[in-house]
Structures are given as C-alpha cells and as structure tokens.
C-alpha cells in the first residue's frame, strides 16, 4: 500500500515529461543551421589547458567549465 502511494506521489510531483529528442536524421541539418553544437575537447585560453567545449558550425567554441567563448574563423 505504501509503495503504491509513493509511486503515485512521485508521478504527481515529477512535472511534465521531457521534450522528445530530434530525429537523428535532422541533426546534420540542425548543425548546418547553427542550432546544434558538437561536444569536443579543445584548448581553453582562459584555463590554459584542454577542456570540454561546445563546437559550433561557425567555428566558435564555448568552454563548458568556465564559459569562455572563442570566436571562430567564420565569425
């Protein structure tokens, strides 16, 4: 009885379901449009070491650790 109540309470307070992920076939189109980023490791000038970055289609990068944004060659 307690387990059923706990599951029902968890479902009520969980909030809305997450949005579905875009289809895999649409990802290249999103990348070309600049709406999707690719995660990779690159040199961060602020931290002076390799850190995980979001690589954008225009060549710019965003460091996940410190938030430093590096301009790309197309910017």
PDB file of N, CA and C in Angstrom:
ATOM      1  N   UNK A   1       0.822  -1.179   0.000  1.00  0.00           N
ATOM      2  CA  UNK A   1       0.000   0.000   0.000  1.00  0.00           C
ATOM      3  C   UNK A   1       0.874   1.254   0.000  1.00  0.00           C
ATOM      4  N   UNK A   2       1.888   1.253   0.844  1.00  0.00           N
ATOM      5  CA  UNK A   2       2.768   2.404   0.942  1.00  0.00           C
ATOM      6  C   UNK A   2       3.556   2.590  -0.354  1.00  0.00           C
ATOM      7  N   UNK A   3       3.974   1.496  -0.969  1.00  0.00           N
ATOM      8  CA  UNK A   3       4.719   1.592  -2.224  1.00  0.00           C
ATOM      9  C   UNK A   3       3.854   2.180  -3.332  1.00  0.00           C
ATOM     10  N   UNK A   4       2.591   1.795  -3.395  1.00  0.00           N
ATOM     11  CA  UNK A   4       1.691   2.338  -4.415  1.00  0.00           C
ATOM     12  C   UNK A   4       1.474   3.831  -4.195  1.00  0.00           C
ATOM     13  N   UNK A   5       1.308   4.246  -2.943  1.00  0.00           N
ATOM     14  CA  UNK A   5       1.143   5.670  -2.633  1.00  0.00           C
ATOM     15  C   UNK A   5       2.401   6.447  -3.005  1.00  0.00           C
ATOM     16  N   UNK A   6       3.562   5.881  -2.707  1.00  0.00           N
ATOM     17  CA  UNK A   6       4.832   6.549  -3.022  1.00  0.00           C
ATOM     18  C   UNK A   6       4.993   6.723  -4.532  1.00  0.00           C
ATOM     19  N   UNK A   7       4.695   5.719  -5.304  1.00  0.00           N
ATOM     20  CA  UNK A   7       4.805   5.812  -6.771  1.00  0.00           C
ATOM     21  C   UNK A   7       3.841   6.852  -7.321  1.00  0.00           C
ATOM     22  N   UNK A   8       2.624   6.892  -6.799  1.00  0.00           N
ATOM     23  CA  UNK A   8       1.640   7.872  -7.270  1.00  0.00           C
ATOM     24  C   UNK A   8       2.073   9.298  -6.912  1.00  0.00           C
ATOM     25  N   UNK A   9       2.597   9.496  -5.712  1.00  0.00           N
ATOM     26  CA  UNK A   9       3.070  10.819  -5.298  1.00  0.00           C
ATOM     27  C   UNK A   9       4.259  11.252  -6.152  1.00  0.00           C
ATOM     28  N   UNK A  10       5.148  10.340  -6.441  1.00  0.00           N
ATOM     29  CA  UNK A  10       6.305  10.658  -7.285  1.00  0.00           C
ATOM     30  C   UNK A  10       5.851  11.074  -8.676  1.00  0.00           C
ATOM     31  N   UNK A  11       4.867  10.385  -9.222  1.00  0.00           N
ATOM     32  CA  UNK A  11       4.357  10.733 -10.553  1.00  0.00           C
ATOM     33  C   UNK A  11       3.674  12.094 -10.570  1.00  0.00           C
ATOM     34  N   UNK A  12       2.981  12.432  -9.493  1.00  0.00           N
ATOM     35  CA  UNK A  12       2.279  13.715  -9.433  1.00  0.00           C
ATOM     36  C   UNK A  12       3.238  14.896  -9.344  1.00  0.00           C
ATOM     37  N   UNK A  13       4.343  14.747  -8.629  1.00  0.00           N
ATOM     38  CA  UNK A  13       5.274  15.849  -8.421  1.00  0.00           C
ATOM     39  C   UNK A  13       6.452  15.849  -9.385  1.00  0.00           C
ATOM     40  N   UNK A  14       6.477  14.917 -10.328  1.00  0.00           N
ATOM     41  CA  UNK A  14       7.610  14.815 -11.258  1.00  0.00           C
ATOM     42  C   UNK A  14       7.611  15.942 -12.273  1.00  0.00           C
ATOM     43  N   UNK A  15       6.487  16.533 -12.571  1.00  0.00           N
ATOM     44  CA  UNK A  15       6.434  17.590 -13.571  1.00  0.00           C
ATOM     45  C   UNK A  15       6.186  17.016 -14.953  1.00  0.00           C
ATOM     46  N   UNK A  16       6.222  17.876 -15.970  1.00  0.00           N
ATOM     47  CA  UNK A  16       5.935  17.412 -17.324  1.00  0.00           C
ATOM     48  C   UNK A  16       7.044  16.516 -17.861  1.00  0.00           C
ATOM     49  N   UNK A  17       6.677  15.700 -18.790  1.00  0.00           N
ATOM     50  CA  UNK A  17       7.654  14.810 -19.420  1.00  0.00           C
ATOM     51  C   UNK A  17       8.615  15.636 -20.280  1.00  0.00           C
ATOM     52  N   UNK A  18       9.869  15.208 -20.405  1.00  0.00           N
ATOM     53  CA  UNK A  18      10.810  15.962 -21.234  1.00  0.00           C
ATOM     54  C   UNK A  18      10.409  15.925 -22.706  1.00  0.00           C
ATOM     55  N   UNK A  19      10.821  16.954 -23.423  1.00  0.00           N
ATOM     56  CA  UNK A  19      10.520  17.014 -24.858  1.00  0.00           C
ATOM     57  C   UNK A  19      11.259  15.895 -25.580  1.00  0.00           C
ATOM     58  N   UNK A  20      10.669  15.338 -26.599  1.00  0.00           N
ATOM     59  CA  UNK A  20      11.355  14.265 -27.332  1.00  0.00           C
ATOM     60  C   UNK A  20      12.571  14.808 -28.070  1.00  0.00           C
ATOM     61  N   UNK A  21      13.584  13.977 -28.186  1.00  0.00           N
ATOM     62  CA  UNK A  21      14.804  14.364 -28.896  1.00  0.00           C
ATOM     63  C   UNK A  21      14.520  14.454 -30.397  1.00  0.00           C
ATOM     64  N   UNK A  22      15.233  15.350 -31.105  1.00  0.00           N
ATOM     65  CA  UNK A  22      15.016  15.413 -32.546  1.00  0.00           C
ATOM     66  C   UNK A  22      15.486  14.126 -33.211  1.00  0.00           C
ATOM     67  N   UNK A  23      14.886  13.766 -34.327  1.00  0.00           N
ATOM     68  CA  UNK A  23      15.319  12.552 -35.025  1.00  0.00           C
ATOM     69  C   UNK A  23      16.783  12.665 -35.444  1.00  0.00           C
ATOM     70  N   UNK A  24      17.463  11.553 -35.476  1.00  0.00           N
ATOM     71  CA  UNK A  24      18.887  11.539 -35.806  1.00  0.00           C
ATOM     72  C   UNK A  24      19.124  12.089 -37.210  1.00  0.00           C
ATOM     73  N   UNK A  25      18.208  11.871 -38.122  1.00  0.00           N
ATOM     74  CA  UNK A  25      18.385  12.350 -39.494  1.00  0.00           C
ATOM     75  C   UNK A  25      18.359  13.879 -39.557  1.00  0.00           C
ATOM     76  N   UNK A  26      17.730  14.556 -38.572  1.00  0.00           N
ATOM     77  CA  UNK A  26      17.632  16.010 -38.598  1.00  0.00           C
ATOM     78  C   UNK A  26      18.868  16.685 -38.009  1.00  0.00           C
ATOM     79  N   UNK A  27      19.733  15.949 -37.315  1.00  0.00           N
ATOM     80  CA  UNK A  27      20.885  16.571 -36.670  1.00  0.00           C
ATOM     81  C   UNK A  27      21.846  17.244 -37.645  1.00  0.00           C
ATOM     82  N   UNK A  28      22.183  16.661 -38.805  1.00  0.00           N
ATOM     83  CA  UNK A  28      23.056  17.395 -39.730  1.00  0.00           C
ATOM     84  C   UNK A  28      22.454  18.714 -40.200  1.00  0.00           C
ATOM     85  N   UNK A  29      21.152  18.744 -40.403  1.00  0.00           N
ATOM     86  CA  UNK A  29      20.502  19.992 -40.813  1.00  0.00           C
ATOM     87  C   UNK A  29      20.547  21.019 -39.685  1.00  0.00           C
ATOM     88  N   UNK A  30      20.347  20.575 -38.441  1.00  0.00           N
ATOM     89  CA  UNK A  30      20.445  21.483 -37.303  1.00  0.00           C
ATOM     90  C   UNK A  30      21.868  22.012 -37.147  1.00  0.00           C
ATOM     91  N   UNK A  31      22.863  21.168 -37.387  1.00  0.00           N
ATOM     92  CA  UNK A  31      24.261  21.582 -37.285  1.00  0.00           C
ATOM     93  C   UNK A  31      24.570  22.662 -38.324  1.00  0.00           C
ATOM     94  N   UNK A  32      24.138  22.455 -39.561  1.00  0.00           N
ATOM     95  CA  UNK A  32      24.396  23.454 -40.606  1.00  0.00           C
ATOM     96  C   UNK A  32      23.682  24.772 -40.309  1.00  0.00           C
ATOM     97  N   UNK A  33      22.518  24.709 -39.686  1.00  0.00           N
ATOM     98  CA  UNK A  33      21.768  25.918 -39.365  1.00  0.00           C
ATOM     99  C   UNK A  33      22.316  26.629 -38.131  1.00  0.00           C
ATOM    100  N   UNK A  34      23.241  25.990 -37.411  1.00  0.00           N
ATOM    101  CA  UNK A  34      23.811  26.599 -36.215  1.00  0.00           C
ATOM    102  C   UNK A  34      22.979  26.396 -34.975  1.00  0.00           C
ATOM    103  N   UNK A  35      22.011  25.477 -35.024  1.00  0.00           N
ATOM    104  CA  UNK A  35      21.144  25.244 -33.876  1.00  0.00           C
ATOM    105  C   UNK A  35      21.639  24.122 -32.980  1.00  0.00           C
ATOM    106  N   UNK A  36      22.642  23.388 -33.399  1.00  0.00           N
ATOM    107  CA  UNK A  36      23.163  22.281 -32.605  1.00  0.00           C
ATOM    108  C   UNK A  36      24.662  22.442 -32.450  1.00  0.00           C
ATOM    109  N   UNK A  37      25.170  22.014 -31.317  1.00  0.00           N
ATOM    110  CA  UNK A  37      26.598  22.067 -31.041  1.00  0.00           C
ATOM    111  C   UNK A  37      27.139  20.651 -30.937  1.00  0.00           C
ATOM    112  N   UNK A  38      28.422  20.510 -31.209  1.00  0.00           N
ATOM    113  CA  UNK A  38      29.104  19.231 -31.057  1.00  0.00           C
ATOM    114  C   UNK A  38      30.045  19.363 -29.874  1.00  0.00           C
ATOM    115  N   UNK A  39      30.043  18.396 -28.979  1.00  0.00           N
ATOM    116  CA  UNK A  39      30.920  18.429 -27.824  1.00  0.00           C
ATOM    117  C   UNK A  39      32.269  17.820 -28.205  1.00  0.00           C
ATOM    118  N   UNK A  40      33.343  18.504 -27.829  1.00  0.00           N
ATOM    119  CA  UNK A  40      34.693  18.031 -28.116  1.00  0.00           C
ATOM    120  C   UNK A  40      35.640  18.681 -27.122  1.00  0.00           C
ATOM    121  N   UNK A  41      36.865  18.226 -27.076  1.00  0.00           N
ATOM    122  CA  UNK A  41      37.888  18.828 -26.234  1.00  0.00           C
ATOM    123  C   UNK A  41      38.724  19.768 -27.078  1.00  0.00           C
ATOM    124  N   UNK A  42      39.011  20.954 -26.523  1.00  0.00           N
ATOM    125  CA  UNK A  42      39.842  21.936 -27.215  1.00  0.00           C
ATOM    126  C   UNK A  42      40.602  22.746 -26.162  1.00  0.00           C
ATOM    127  N   UNK A  43      41.602  23.503 -26.618  1.00  0.00           N
ATOM    128  CA  UNK A  43      42.398  24.330 -25.718  1.00  0.00           C
ATOM    129  C   UNK A  43      41.591  25.554 -25.286  1.00  0.00           C
ATOM    130  N   UNK A  44      41.518  25.785 -23.977  1.00  0.00           N
ATOM    131  CA  UNK A  44      40.824  26.954 -23.436  1.00  0.00           C
ATOM    132  C   UNK A  44      41.867  28.013 -23.090  1.00  0.00           C
ATOM    133  N   UNK A  45      41.823  29.191 -23.728  1.00  0.00           N
ATOM    134  CA  UNK A  45      42.806  30.226 -23.432  1.00  0.00           C
ATOM    135  C   UNK A  45      42.727  30.735 -21.994  1.00  0.00           C
ATOM    136  N   UNK A  46      41.544  30.738 -21.407  1.00  0.00           N
ATOM    137  CA  UNK A  46      41.398  31.237 -20.040  1.00  0.00           C
ATOM    138  C   UNK A  46      42.003  30.260 -19.026  1.00  0.00           C
ATOM    139  N   UNK A  47      41.751  28.954 -19.210  1.00  0.00           N
ATOM    140  CA  UNK A  47      42.258  27.954 -18.274  1.00  0.00           C
ATOM    141  C   UNK A  47      43.635  27.423 -18.668  1.00  0.00           C
ATOM    142  N   UNK A  48      44.064  27.704 -19.894  1.00  0.00           N
ATOM    143  CA  UNK A  48      45.361  27.274 -20.414  1.00  0.00           C
ATOM    144  C   UNK A  48      45.551  25.755 -20.342  1.00  0.00           C
ATOM    145  N   UNK A  49      44.489  25.030 -20.724  1.00  0.00           N
ATOM    146  CA  UNK A  49      44.530  23.563 -20.813  1.00  0.00           C
ATOM    147  C   UNK A  49      43.375  23.086 -21.676  1.00  0.00           C
ATOM    148  N   UNK A  50      43.395  21.794 -22.024  1.00  0.00           N
ATOM    149  CA  UNK A  50      42.313  21.221 -22.824  1.00  0.00           C
ATOM    150  C   UNK A  50      41.118  20.939 -21.925  1.00  0.00           C
ATOM    151  N   UNK A  51      39.969  21.440 -22.331  1.00  0.00           N
ATOM    152  CA  UNK A  51      38.729  21.264 -21.584  1.00  0.00           C
ATOM    153  C   UNK A  51      37.607  20.909 -22.556  1.00  0.00           C
ATOM    154  N   UNK A  52      36.488  20.395 -22.049  1.00  0.00           N
ATOM    155  CA  UNK A  52      35.356  20.105 -22.944  1.00  0.00           C
ATOM    156  C   UNK A  52      34.733  21.404 -23.454  1.00  0.00           C
ATOM    157  N   UNK A  53      34.455  21.431 -24.731  1.00  0.00           N
ATOM    158  CA  UNK A  53      33.891  22.612 -25.388  1.00  0.00           C
ATOM    159  C   UNK A  53      32.689  22.224 -26.240  1.00  0.00           C
ATOM    160  N   UNK A  54      31.814  23.194 -26.464  1.00  0.00           N
ATOM    161  CA  UNK A  54      30.761  23.081 -27.462  1.00  0.00           C
ATOM    162  C   UNK A  54      31.317  23.709 -28.728  1.00  0.00           C
ATOM    163  N   UNK A  55      31.420  22.927 -29.795  1.00  0.00           N
ATOM    164  CA  UNK A  55      31.930  23.412 -31.069  1.00  0.00           C
ATOM    165  C   UNK A  55      30.740  23.758 -31.942  1.00  0.00           C
ATOM    166  N   UNK A  56      30.714  24.970 -32.456  1.00  0.00           N
ATOM    167  CA  UNK A  56      29.600  25.427 -33.284  1.00  0.00           C
ATOM    168  C   UNK A  56      29.955  25.361 -34.758  1.00  0.00           C
ATOM    169  N   UNK A  57      28.940  25.450 -35.595  1.00  0.00           N
ATOM    170  CA  UNK A  57      29.139  25.331 -37.038  1.00  0.00           C
ATOM    171  C   UNK A  57      29.974  26.469 -37.603  1.00  0.00           C
ATOM    172  N   UNK A  58      29.940  27.650 -36.968  1.00  0.00           N
ATOM    173  CA  UNK A  58      30.726  28.772 -37.483  1.00  0.00           C
ATOM    174  C   UNK A  58      32.178  28.740 -37.017  1.00  0.00           C
ATOM    175  N   UNK A  59      32.566  27.714 -36.266  1.00  0.00           N
ATOM    176  CA  UNK A  59      33.939  27.565 -35.814  1.00  0.00           C
ATOM    177  C   UNK A  59      34.180  28.102 -34.417  1.00  0.00           C
ATOM    178  N   UNK A  60      33.196  28.768 -33.818  1.00  0.00           N
ATOM    179  CA  UNK A  60      33.384  29.280 -32.463  1.00  0.00           C
ATOM    180  C   UNK A  60      33.248  28.142 -31.462  1.00  0.00           C
ATOM    181  N   UNK A  61      33.800  28.363 -30.272  1.00  0.00           N
ATOM    182  CA  UNK A  61      33.776  27.349 -29.221  1.00  0.00           C
ATOM    183  C   UNK A  61      33.323  27.986 -27.917  1.00  0.00           C
ATOM    184  N   UNK A  62      32.681  27.178 -27.062  1.00  0.00           N
ATOM    185  CA  UNK A  62      32.246  27.615 -25.746  1.00  0.00           C
ATOM    186  C   UNK A  62      32.734  26.592 -24.734  1.00  0.00           C
ATOM    187  N   UNK A  63      33.541  27.040 -23.770  1.00  0.00           N
ATOM    188  CA  UNK A  63      34.084  26.149 -22.747  1.00  0.00           C
ATOM    189  C   UNK A  63      32.979  25.791 -21.761  1.00  0.00           C
ATOM    190  N   UNK A  64      32.818  24.482 -21.502  1.00  0.00           N
ATOM    191  CA  UNK A  64      31.802  24.038 -20.555  1.00  0.00           C
ATOM    192  C   UNK A  64      32.193  24.347 -19.118  1.00  0.00           C
ATOM    193  N   UNK A  65      33.472  24.444 -18.817  1.00  0.00           N
ATOM    194  CA  UNK A  65      33.914  24.651 -17.435  1.00  0.00           C
ATOM    195  C   UNK A  65      33.839  26.109 -17.010  1.00  0.00           C
ATOM    196  N   UNK A  66      34.389  27.030 -17.809  1.00  0.00           N
ATOM    197  CA  UNK A  66      34.463  28.424 -17.373  1.00  0.00           C
ATOM    198  C   UNK A  66      33.544  29.354 -18.169  1.00  0.00           C
ATOM    199  N   UNK A  67      32.977  28.885 -19.295  1.00  0.00           N
ATOM    200  CA  UNK A  67      32.071  29.709 -20.077  1.00  0.00           C
ATOM    201  C   UNK A  67      32.756  30.637 -21.063  1.00  0.00           C
ATOM    202  N   UNK A  68      34.080  30.510 -21.215  1.00  0.00           N
ATOM    203  CA  UNK A  68      34.814  31.364 -22.159  1.00  0.00           C
ATOM    204  C   UNK A  68      34.417  31.033 -23.596  1.00  0.00           C
ATOM    205  N   UNK A  69      34.130  32.060 -24.376  1.00  0.00           N
ATOM    206  CA  UNK A  69      33.709  31.861 -25.759  1.00  0.00           C
ATOM    207  C   UNK A  69      34.836  32.330 -26.678  1.00  0.00           C
ATOM    208  N   UNK A  70      35.270  31.452 -27.582  1.00  0.00           N
ATOM    209  CA  UNK A  70      36.320  31.747 -28.537  1.00  0.00           C
ATOM    210  C   UNK A  70      35.688  31.907 -29.913  1.00  0.00           C
ATOM    211  N   UNK A  71      36.040  32.995 -30.600  1.00  0.00           N
ATOM    212  CA  UNK A  71      35.491  33.225 -31.937  1.00  0.00           C
ATOM    213  C   UNK A  71      36.090  32.250 -32.938  1.00  0.00           C
ATOM    214  N   UNK A  72      35.284  31.903 -33.917  1.00  0.00           N
ATOM    215  CA  UNK A  72      35.755  31.030 -34.984  1.00  0.00           C
ATOM    216  C   UNK A  72      36.228  31.821 -36.182  1.00  0.00           C
ATOM    217  N   UNK A  73      36.699  31.117 -37.187  1.00  0.00           N
ATOM    218  CA  UNK A  73      37.198  31.803 -38.363  1.00  0.00           C
ATOM    219  C   UNK A  73      36.080  32.432 -39.195  1.00  0.00           C
ATOM    220  N   UNK A  74      34.855  31.950 -39.060  1.00  0.00           N
ATOM    221  CA  UNK A  74      33.731  32.499 -39.831  1.00  0.00           C
ATOM    222  C   UNK A  74      33.013  33.613 -39.085  1.00  0.00           C
ATOM    223  N   UNK A  75      33.371  33.887 -37.834  1.00  0.00           N
ATOM    224  CA  UNK A  75      32.677  34.909 -37.032  1.00  0.00           C
ATOM    225  C   UNK A  75      33.147  36.288 -37.360  1.00  0.00           C
TER     226      UNK A  75
END
